[in-house]
C-alpha atoms as a PDB file:
ATOM      1  CA  MET A   1     185.506 142.147 -30.206  1.00  0.00           C
ATOM      2  CA  PRO A   2     187.059 142.641 -26.749  1.00  0.00           C
ATOM      3  CA  THR A   3     189.475 145.401 -25.875  1.00  0.00           C
ATOM      4  CA  LEU A   4     192.807 144.104 -24.605  1.00  0.00           C
ATOM      5  CA  VAL A   5     193.718 146.179 -21.548  1.00  0.00           C
ATOM      6  CA  LEU A   6     197.397 146.048 -20.610  1.00  0.00           C
ATOM      7  CA  SER A   7     199.309 147.234 -17.558  1.00  0.00           C
ATOM      8  CA  PRO A   8     201.751 150.169 -17.779  1.00  0.00           C
ATOM      9  CA  ARG A   9     204.666 147.730 -17.615  1.00  0.00           C
ATOM     10  CA  TYR A  10     206.130 147.057 -21.072  1.00  0.00           C
ATOM     11  CA  THR A  11     206.925 143.346 -20.998  1.00  0.00           C
ATOM     12  CA  GLU A  12     207.789 141.322 -24.074  1.00  0.00           C
ATOM     13  CA  ASP A  13     204.642 139.243 -23.559  1.00  0.00           C
ATOM     14  CA  SER A  14     202.402 142.295 -23.395  1.00  0.00           C
ATOM     15  CA  LYS A  15     203.916 143.629 -26.616  1.00  0.00           C
ATOM     16  CA  VAL A  16     203.386 140.285 -28.364  1.00  0.00           C
ATOM     17  CA  LEU A  17     199.771 140.185 -27.206  1.00  0.00           C
ATOM     18  CA  ARG A  18     199.138 143.727 -28.385  1.00  0.00           C
ATOM     19  CA  VAL A  19     200.332 142.820 -31.879  1.00  0.00           C
ATOM     20  CA  ALA A  20     198.212 139.655 -31.810  1.00  0.00           C
ATOM     21  CA  ALA A  21     195.172 141.675 -30.729  1.00  0.00           C
ATOM     22  CA  GLY A  22     195.582 143.964 -33.720  1.00  0.00           C
ATOM     23  CA  ARG A  23     195.754 141.005 -36.052  1.00  0.00           C
ATOM     24  CA  ALA A  24     192.621 139.541 -34.471  1.00  0.00           C
ATOM     25  CA  GLY A  25     190.708 142.777 -34.954  1.00  0.00           C
ATOM     26  CA  TRP A  26     190.654 143.643 -31.252  1.00  0.00           C
ATOM     27  CA  LYS A  27     191.208 147.075 -29.803  1.00  0.00           C
ATOM     28  CA  ALA A  28     194.145 147.356 -27.403  1.00  0.00           C
ATOM     29  CA  GLU A  29     194.894 149.904 -24.720  1.00  0.00           C
ATOM     30  CA  ARG A  30     197.871 150.172 -22.394  1.00  0.00           C
ATOM     31  CA  LEU A  31     196.932 152.031 -19.235  1.00  0.00           C
ATOM     32  CA  GLY A  32     199.229 154.732 -17.900  1.00  0.00           C
ATOM     33  CA  GLY A  33     198.503 153.952 -14.262  1.00  0.00           C
ATOM     34  CA  TRP A  34     196.321 151.995 -11.876  1.00  0.00           C
ATOM     35  CA  ARG A  35     193.105 153.855 -12.647  1.00  0.00           C
ATOM     36  CA  ALA A  36     190.747 152.484 -15.276  1.00  0.00           C
ATOM     37  CA  PRO A  37     189.145 155.040 -17.618  1.00  0.00           C
ATOM     38  CA  ALA A  38     185.401 155.347 -17.048  1.00  0.00           C
ATOM     39  CA  ARG A  39     184.795 154.705 -20.763  1.00  0.00           C
ATOM     40  CA  LEU A  40     185.979 151.092 -20.291  1.00  0.00           C
ATOM     41  CA  ARG A  41     183.239 150.307 -17.790  1.00  0.00           C
ATOM     42  CA  ARG A  42     180.569 147.952 -19.070  1.00  0.00           C
ATOM     43  CA  GLN A  43     182.799 147.206 -22.061  1.00  0.00           C
ATOM     44  CA  ASP A  44     183.956 143.781 -23.222  1.00  0.00           C
ATOM     45  CA  VAL A  45     187.552 143.690 -21.972  1.00  0.00           C
ATOM     46  CA  ALA A  46     190.356 141.159 -21.597  1.00  0.00           C
ATOM     47  CA  LEU A  47     192.896 142.154 -18.949  1.00  0.00           C
ATOM     48  CA  TYR A  48     196.571 141.195 -18.884  1.00  0.00           C
ATOM     49  CA  GLY A  49     199.417 142.172 -16.582  1.00  0.00           C
ATOM     50  CA  GLU A  50     200.737 141.696 -13.080  1.00  0.00           C
ATOM     51  CA  PRO A  51     198.151 139.833 -10.930  1.00  0.00           C
ATOM     52  CA  THR A  52     197.592 142.610  -8.395  1.00  0.00           C
ATOM     53  CA  PHE A  53     197.257 145.214 -11.152  1.00  0.00           C
ATOM     54  CA  VAL A  54     194.705 143.105 -13.025  1.00  0.00           C
ATOM     55  CA  GLU A  55     192.630 142.546  -9.875  1.00  0.00           C
ATOM     56  CA  VAL A  56     192.630 146.272  -9.080  1.00  0.00           C
ATOM     57  CA  ILE A  57     191.535 147.235 -12.589  1.00  0.00           C
ATOM     58  CA  ALA A  58     188.963 144.428 -12.710  1.00  0.00           C
ATOM     59  CA  ALA A  59     187.383 145.701  -9.489  1.00  0.00           C
ATOM     60  CA  GLN A  60     187.205 149.229 -10.898  1.00  0.00           C
ATOM     61  CA  LEU A  61     185.548 147.966 -14.076  1.00  0.00           C
ATOM     62  CA  GLY A  62     183.216 145.515 -12.345  1.00  0.00           C
ATOM     63  CA  VAL A  63     184.808 142.598 -14.175  1.00  0.00           C
ATOM     64  CA  SER A  64     184.955 139.093 -12.709  1.00  0.00           C
ATOM     65  CA  LEU A  65     188.047 136.945 -13.145  1.00  0.00           C
ATOM     66  CA  ILE A  66     188.585 133.210 -13.421  1.00  0.00           C
ATOM     67  CA  ASP A  67     191.352 131.465 -11.507  1.00  0.00           C
ATOM     68  CA  ALA A  68     192.037 128.196  -9.701  1.00  0.00           C
ATOM     69  CA  PRO A  69     191.643 128.515  -5.891  1.00  0.00           C
ATOM     70  CA  PRO A  70     194.812 128.127  -3.772  1.00  0.00           C
ATOM     71  CA  ALA A  71     193.652 124.719  -2.502  1.00  0.00           C
ATOM     72  CA  TRP A  72     193.383 123.294  -6.039  1.00  0.00           C
ATOM     73  CA  LEU A  73     196.975 122.069  -6.281  1.00  0.00           C
ATOM     74  CA  PRO A  74     197.289 120.344  -2.855  1.00  0.00           C
ATOM     75  CA  GLY A  75     193.863 118.807  -3.453  1.00  0.00           C
ATOM     76  CA  LEU A  76     194.980 116.886  -6.541  1.00  0.00           C
ATOM     77  CA  PRO A  77     195.286 113.091  -6.429  1.00  0.00           C
ATOM     78  CA  GLU A  78     198.815 111.831  -5.749  1.00  0.00           C
ATOM     79  CA  ARG A  79     199.149 110.517  -9.325  1.00  0.00           C
ATOM     80  CA  HIS A  80     198.976 114.121 -10.547  1.00  0.00           C
ATOM     81  CA  LEU A  81     201.409 115.467  -7.928  1.00  0.00           C
ATOM     82  CA  ARG A  82     204.164 112.815  -7.574  1.00  0.00           C
ATOM     83  CA  ARG A  83     205.205 114.671  -4.412  1.00  0.00           C
ATOM     84  CA  LYS A  84     203.776 115.940  -1.142  1.00  0.00           C
ATOM     85  CA  VAL A  85     202.115 119.379  -1.357  1.00  0.00           C
ATOM     86  CA  ASN A  86     200.310 120.992   1.580  1.00  0.00           C
ATOM     87  CA  MET A  87     198.715 124.336   2.357  1.00  0.00           C
ATOM     88  CA  SER A  88     199.870 126.175   5.462  1.00  0.00           C
ATOM     89  CA  THR A  89     200.870 129.594   6.734  1.00  0.00           C
ATOM     90  CA  LEU A  90     204.342 131.061   6.804  1.00  0.00           C
ATOM     91  CA  ALA A  91     204.323 131.088  10.619  1.00  0.00           C
ATOM     92  CA  GLU A  92     203.412 127.398  10.764  1.00  0.00           C
ATOM     93  CA  VAL A  93     206.174 126.556   8.310  1.00  0.00           C
ATOM     94  CA  ARG A  94     208.703 128.459  10.437  1.00  0.00           C
ATOM     95  CA  GLU A  95     207.613 126.601  13.575  1.00  0.00           C
ATOM     96  CA  ALA A  96     207.468 123.107  12.094  1.00  0.00           C
ATOM     97  CA  PHE A  97     210.258 123.272   9.533  1.00  0.00           C
ATOM     98  CA  ALA A  98     211.645 119.776   9.038  1.00  0.00           C
ATOM     99  CA  GLY A  99     214.209 120.076   6.285  1.00  0.00           C
ATOM    100  CA  PRO A 100     214.426 121.517   2.774  1.00  0.00           C
ATOM    101  CA  ALA A 101     211.011 122.446   1.381  1.00  0.00           C
ATOM    102  CA  PHE A 102     209.650 124.307  -1.625  1.00  0.00           C
ATOM    103  CA  VAL A 103     207.611 127.245  -0.304  1.00  0.00           C
ATOM    104  CA  LYS A 104     205.615 129.768  -2.337  1.00  0.00           C
ATOM    105  CA  PRO A 105     202.691 132.162  -1.748  1.00  0.00           C
ATOM    106  CA  ALA A 106     199.436 130.234  -2.107  1.00  0.00           C
ATOM    107  CA  ASP A 107     197.511 132.984  -3.902  1.00  0.00           C
ATOM    108  CA  GLY A 108     199.879 133.361  -6.848  1.00  0.00           C
ATOM    109  CA  ARG A 109     201.210 136.753  -5.754  1.00  0.00           C
ATOM    110  CA  LYS A 110     204.911 137.454  -5.825  1.00  0.00           C
ATOM    111  CA  GLY A 111     205.138 138.504  -2.174  1.00  0.00           C
ATOM    112  CA  PHE A 112     208.303 136.446  -1.940  1.00  0.00           C
ATOM    113  CA  GLU A 113     210.213 134.075  -4.148  1.00  0.00           C
ATOM    114  CA  GLY A 114     208.835 130.569  -4.498  1.00  0.00           C
ATOM    115  CA  ARG A 115     211.815 128.231  -4.184  1.00  0.00           C
ATOM    116  CA  VAL A 116     213.423 125.521  -2.088  1.00  0.00           C
ATOM    117  CA  TYR A 117     214.322 126.862   1.375  1.00  0.00           C
ATOM    118  CA  GLY A 118     216.917 124.980   3.378  1.00  0.00           C
ATOM    119  CA  ALA A 119     216.258 126.313   6.888  1.00  0.00           C
ATOM    120  CA  PRO A 120     213.714 128.446   8.798  1.00  0.00           C
ATOM    121  CA  ALA A 121     216.166 131.350   8.844  1.00  0.00           C
ATOM    122  CA  ASP A 122     216.091 131.404   5.034  1.00  0.00           C
ATOM    123  CA  LEU A 123     212.349 132.119   4.915  1.00  0.00           C
ATOM    124  CA  PRO A 124     211.380 135.772   4.345  1.00  0.00           C
ATOM    125  CA  ASP A 125     211.116 137.622   7.646  1.00  0.00           C
ATOM    126  CA  ALA A 126     209.376 140.726   6.251  1.00  0.00           C
ATOM    127  CA  VAL A 127     206.279 138.757   5.176  1.00  0.00           C
ATOM    128  CA  PRO A 128     203.391 138.405   7.693  1.00  0.00           C
ATOM    129  CA  GLY A 129     203.223 135.051   9.427  1.00  0.00           C
ATOM    130  CA  ASP A 130     199.561 134.539   8.497  1.00  0.00           C
ATOM    131  CA  THR A 131     200.405 134.585   4.766  1.00  0.00           C
ATOM    132  CA  PRO A 132     198.954 131.406   3.167  1.00  0.00           C
ATOM    133  CA  VAL A 133     201.653 129.319   1.503  1.00  0.00           C
ATOM    134  CA  LEU A 134     202.009 126.091  -0.413  1.00  0.00           C
ATOM    135  CA  VAL A 135     204.684 123.762   0.921  1.00  0.00           C
ATOM    136  CA  GLY A 136     206.026 121.097  -1.379  1.00  0.00           C
ATOM    137  CA  GLU A 137     208.486 118.250  -1.221  1.00  0.00           C
ATOM    138  CA  PRO A 138     211.531 119.246  -3.316  1.00  0.00           C
ATOM    139  CA  VAL A 139     211.773 117.249  -6.539  1.00  0.00           C
ATOM    140  CA  GLU A 140     213.823 117.452  -9.716  1.00  0.00           C
ATOM    141  CA  TRP A 141     211.890 118.414 -12.830  1.00  0.00           C
ATOM    142  CA  GLU A 142     213.425 117.129 -16.057  1.00  0.00           C
ATOM    143  CA  VAL A 143     211.235 119.326 -18.255  1.00  0.00           C
ATOM    144  CA  GLU A 144     208.279 121.665 -17.731  1.00  0.00           C
ATOM    145  CA  TYR A 145     205.520 122.756 -20.121  1.00  0.00           C
ATOM    146  CA  ARG A 146     202.985 125.577 -20.031  1.00  0.00           C
ATOM    147  CA  CYS A 147     199.451 124.671 -21.165  1.00  0.00           C
ATOM    148  CA  GLN A 148     196.838 127.258 -22.102  1.00  0.00           C
ATOM    149  CA  VAL A 149     193.516 125.567 -21.325  1.00  0.00           C
ATOM    150  CA  LEU A 150     190.161 126.683 -22.712  1.00  0.00           C
ATOM    151  CA  ASP A 151     186.924 124.836 -21.919  1.00  0.00           C
ATOM    152  CA  GLY A 152     188.667 121.542 -21.229  1.00  0.00           C
ATOM    153  CA  GLU A 153     191.065 121.668 -24.186  1.00  0.00           C
ATOM    154  CA  VAL A 154     194.742 122.584 -24.448  1.00  0.00           C
ATOM    155  CA  VAL A 155     194.714 125.277 -27.128  1.00  0.00           C
ATOM    156  CA  ALA A 156     198.418 126.192 -26.840  1.00  0.00           C
ATOM    157  CA  MET A 157     201.442 124.565 -25.258  1.00  0.00           C
ATOM    158  CA  SER A 158     205.103 125.445 -24.875  1.00  0.00           C
ATOM    159  CA  PRO A 159     208.097 124.046 -23.003  1.00  0.00           C
ATOM    160  CA  TYR A 160     209.663 126.589 -20.687  1.00  0.00           C
ATOM    161  CA  LEU A 161     212.248 124.785 -18.545  1.00  0.00           C
ATOM    162  CA  ARG A 162     214.577 121.912 -19.334  1.00  0.00           C
ATOM    163  CA  ASN A 163     216.726 120.564 -16.484  1.00  0.00           C
ATOM    164  CA  GLY A 164     216.154 123.789 -14.591  1.00  0.00           C
ATOM    165  CA  GLU A 165     217.206 126.061 -17.461  1.00  0.00           C
ATOM    166  CA  LEU A 166     215.058 128.031 -19.890  1.00  0.00           C
ATOM    167  CA  ALA A 167     214.172 125.818 -22.857  1.00  0.00           C
ATOM    168  CA  LEU A 168     215.069 128.639 -25.228  1.00  0.00           C
ATOM    169  CA  THR A 169     217.401 128.112 -28.153  1.00  0.00           C
ATOM    170  CA  GLY A 170     219.943 130.656 -29.356  1.00  0.00           C
ATOM    171  CA  ASP A 171     217.667 131.644 -32.220  1.00  0.00           C
ATOM    172  CA  GLY A 172     214.703 132.323 -29.929  1.00  0.00           C
ATOM    173  CA  ARG A 173     212.739 129.068 -30.175  1.00  0.00           C
ATOM    174  CA  TRP A 174     211.245 127.224 -27.204  1.00  0.00           C
ATOM    175  CA  GLU A 175     212.217 123.586 -27.617  1.00  0.00           C
ATOM    176  CA  ALA A 176     212.165 120.306 -25.704  1.00  0.00           C
ATOM    177  CA  THR A 177     212.026 116.659 -26.705  1.00  0.00           C
ATOM    178  CA  ARG A 178     208.972 115.530 -24.720  1.00  0.00           C
ATOM    179  CA  ASP A 179     206.161 117.299 -26.596  1.00  0.00           C
ATOM    180  CA  GLY A 180     204.217 114.108 -27.348  1.00  0.00           C
ATOM    181  CA  GLU A 181     204.415 112.856 -23.770  1.00  0.00           C
ATOM    182  CA  ALA A 182     203.430 116.275 -22.450  1.00  0.00           C
ATOM    183  CA  ARG A 183     200.335 116.437 -24.659  1.00  0.00           C
ATOM    184  CA  GLU A 184     199.341 112.914 -23.701  1.00  0.00           C
ATOM    185  CA  TYR A 185     199.656 113.667 -19.990  1.00  0.00           C
ATOM    186  CA  ALA A 186     197.789 116.974 -20.359  1.00  0.00           C
ATOM    187  CA  GLY A 187     194.921 115.093 -21.983  1.00  0.00           C
ATOM    188  CA  THR A 188     194.833 112.619 -19.109  1.00  0.00           C
ATOM    189  CA  LEU A 189     194.853 115.440 -16.560  1.00  0.00           C
ATOM    190  CA  LEU A 190     191.985 117.293 -18.222  1.00  0.00           C
ATOM    191  CA  ALA A 191     189.964 114.084 -18.410  1.00  0.00           C
ATOM    192  CA  GLU A 192     190.413 113.299 -14.708  1.00  0.00           C
ATOM    193  CA  VAL A 193     190.603 116.622 -12.849  1.00  0.00           C
ATOM    194  CA  PRO A 194     188.104 119.529 -12.705  1.00  0.00           C
ATOM    195  CA  LEU A 195     189.648 122.721 -14.053  1.00  0.00           C
ATOM    196  CA  PRO A 196     188.490 126.307 -14.533  1.00  0.00           C
ATOM    197  CA  PRO A 197     187.195 126.968 -18.066  1.00  0.00           C
ATOM    198  CA  ALA A 198     190.122 129.302 -18.793  1.00  0.00           C
ATOM    199  CA  ILE A 199     193.399 128.666 -16.979  1.00  0.00           C
ATOM    200  CA  VAL A 200     197.111 128.106 -17.456  1.00  0.00           C
ATOM    201  CA  VAL A 201     198.433 124.810 -16.118  1.00  0.00           C
ATOM    202  CA  ASP A 202     202.108 123.975 -15.871  1.00  0.00           C
ATOM    203  CA  ILE A 203     203.014 120.300 -16.084  1.00  0.00           C
ATOM    204  CA  GLY A 204     206.343 118.533 -15.949  1.00  0.00           C
ATOM    205  CA  LEU A 205     208.266 115.295 -15.726  1.00  0.00           C
ATOM    206  CA  VAL A 206     209.481 114.563 -12.198  1.00  0.00           C
ATOM    207  CA  LYS A 207     212.760 112.678 -12.390  1.00  0.00           C
ATOM    208  CA  GLY A 208     212.253 109.045 -11.426  1.00  0.00           C
ATOM    209  CA  ARG A 209     208.523 109.497 -10.726  1.00  0.00           C
ATOM    210  CA  GLY A 210     206.587 110.527 -13.838  1.00  0.00           C
ATOM    211  CA  TRP A 211     204.459 113.349 -15.209  1.00  0.00           C
ATOM    212  CA  ALA A 212     202.732 115.693 -12.768  1.00  0.00           C
ATOM    213  CA  VAL A 213     201.231 119.140 -12.296  1.00  0.00           C
ATOM    214  CA  VAL A 214     203.674 121.891 -11.364  1.00  0.00           C
ATOM    215  CA  GLU A 215     201.024 124.542 -10.637  1.00  0.00           C
ATOM    216  CA  ALA A 216     198.064 126.447 -12.058  1.00  0.00           C
ATOM    217  CA  ASN A 217     198.209 130.131 -12.970  1.00  0.00           C
ATOM    218  CA  ALA A 218     195.588 132.738 -13.815  1.00  0.00           C
ATOM    219  CA  ALA A 219     195.639 133.300 -17.579  1.00  0.00           C
ATOM    220  CA  TRP A 220     195.512 137.079 -17.096  1.00  0.00           C
ATOM    221  CA  GLY A 221     198.881 137.108 -15.324  1.00  0.00           C
ATOM    222  CA  ALA A 222     200.781 134.195 -16.890  1.00  0.00           C
ATOM    223  CA  GLY A 223     203.774 134.437 -19.214  1.00  0.00           C
ATOM    224  CA  LEU A 224     203.465 133.178 -22.781  1.00  0.00           C
ATOM    225  CA  TYR A 225     206.812 131.486 -23.437  1.00  0.00           C
ATOM    226  CA  GLY A 226     206.273 129.896 -26.872  1.00  0.00           C
ATOM    227  CA  CYS A 227     202.467 129.665 -26.730  1.00  0.00           C
ATOM    228  CA  ASP A 228     200.536 130.917 -29.765  1.00  0.00           C
ATOM    229  CA  PRO A 229     199.424 134.455 -28.803  1.00  0.00           C
ATOM    230  CA  GLN A 230     196.227 134.171 -30.858  1.00  0.00           C
ATOM    231  CA  ALA A 231     195.184 131.166 -28.775  1.00  0.00           C
ATOM    232  CA  VAL A 232     196.217 132.983 -25.593  1.00  0.00           C
ATOM    233  CA  LEU A 233     193.856 135.849 -26.478  1.00  0.00           C
ATOM    234  CA  ARG A 234     190.958 133.398 -26.593  1.00  0.00           C
ATOM    235  CA  VAL A 235     191.863 132.100 -23.136  1.00  0.00           C
ATOM    236  CA  LEU A 236     192.197 135.652 -21.784  1.00  0.00           C
ATOM    237  CA  ALA A 237     188.799 136.659 -23.136  1.00  0.00           C
ATOM    238  CA  ARG A 238     187.151 133.673 -21.440  1.00  0.00           C
ATOM    239  CA  ALA A 239     189.077 134.239 -18.183  1.00  0.00           C
ATOM    240  CA  CYS A 240     187.719 137.793 -17.957  1.00  0.00           C
ATOM    241  CA  ALA A 241     184.116 136.948 -18.855  1.00  0.00           C
ATOM    242  CA  PRO A 242     182.872 134.209 -16.503  1.00  0.00           C
ATOM    243  CA  ALA A 243     179.466 132.663 -17.071  1.00  0.00           C
ATOM    244  CA  PRO A 244     177.064 132.154 -14.134  1.00  0.00           C
ATOM    245  CA  SER A 245     178.069 128.487 -14.068  1.00  0.00           C
ATOM    246  CA  ASP A 246     181.710 129.494 -13.444  1.00  0.00           C
ATOM    247  CA  ARG A 247     180.990 130.757  -9.920  1.00  0.00           C
ATOM    248  CA  GLU A 248     183.283 128.225  -8.191  1.00  0.00           C
ATOM    249  CA  TRP A 249     186.214 129.534 -10.266  1.00  0.00           C
ATOM    250  CA  THR A 250     185.401 133.269 -10.039  1.00  0.00           C
ATOM    251  CA  THR A 251     187.733 135.292  -7.839  1.00  0.00           C
ATOM    252  CA  THR A 252     186.396 138.844  -8.218  1.00  0.00           C
ATOM    253  CA  PRO A 253     182.615 139.266  -8.097  1.00  0.00           C
ATOM    254  CA  VAL A 254     181.033 141.867 -10.340  1.00  0.00           C
ATOM    255  CA  GLY A 255     180.476 145.074  -8.390  1.00  0.00           C
END
């Protein structure tokens, strides 16, 4: 069984996963810092935490990671976007800004907030101009779902936003009314679009346009929302143990 390796940050998701790991018969270890113990090297591990932390620890342990490349989203067919999405740099966006646009870091890091920016002056000025970014046409999402995908199958799904607000009820349940439609669209997406063997894909209903992909996220850094943690563990294990055939989706080569 793998060892679940967690970052020092005590998030609710990391605590849920640690409990799930115990129930699954896994070992679990929360690191106290950004140095991986030597005893974890050459061990079967599943990493979870902030993206930069996971990449640092993976490099120390010689572990490869699976993720979708930054160009995956803008490369999707229009029927899976329902909006314009391009890849650029922050400097190019500043120079050619032509109205409100959704801008976020292209590599999934949280270097600045991904949101709709109304003017060039609103863009972060402390971030280097050569930072790759995704630039999207602003749209209104009626509902958004998180899909945990393993080897071409959605193994867990949860709504997370409804009309821009968390889809969380007062008694702690994640609820929306479009579950059937979301599952149907997810099946269509997986049948038509190449995806990494272990990935988190967010999908949603664009008001007046239809179902589309919001974004893809590395499983080892994505929040759970209402997804079954046991299923999430399976996705994590696969995302931290690429096969040779997964090379196009591997972000950190084994050292």
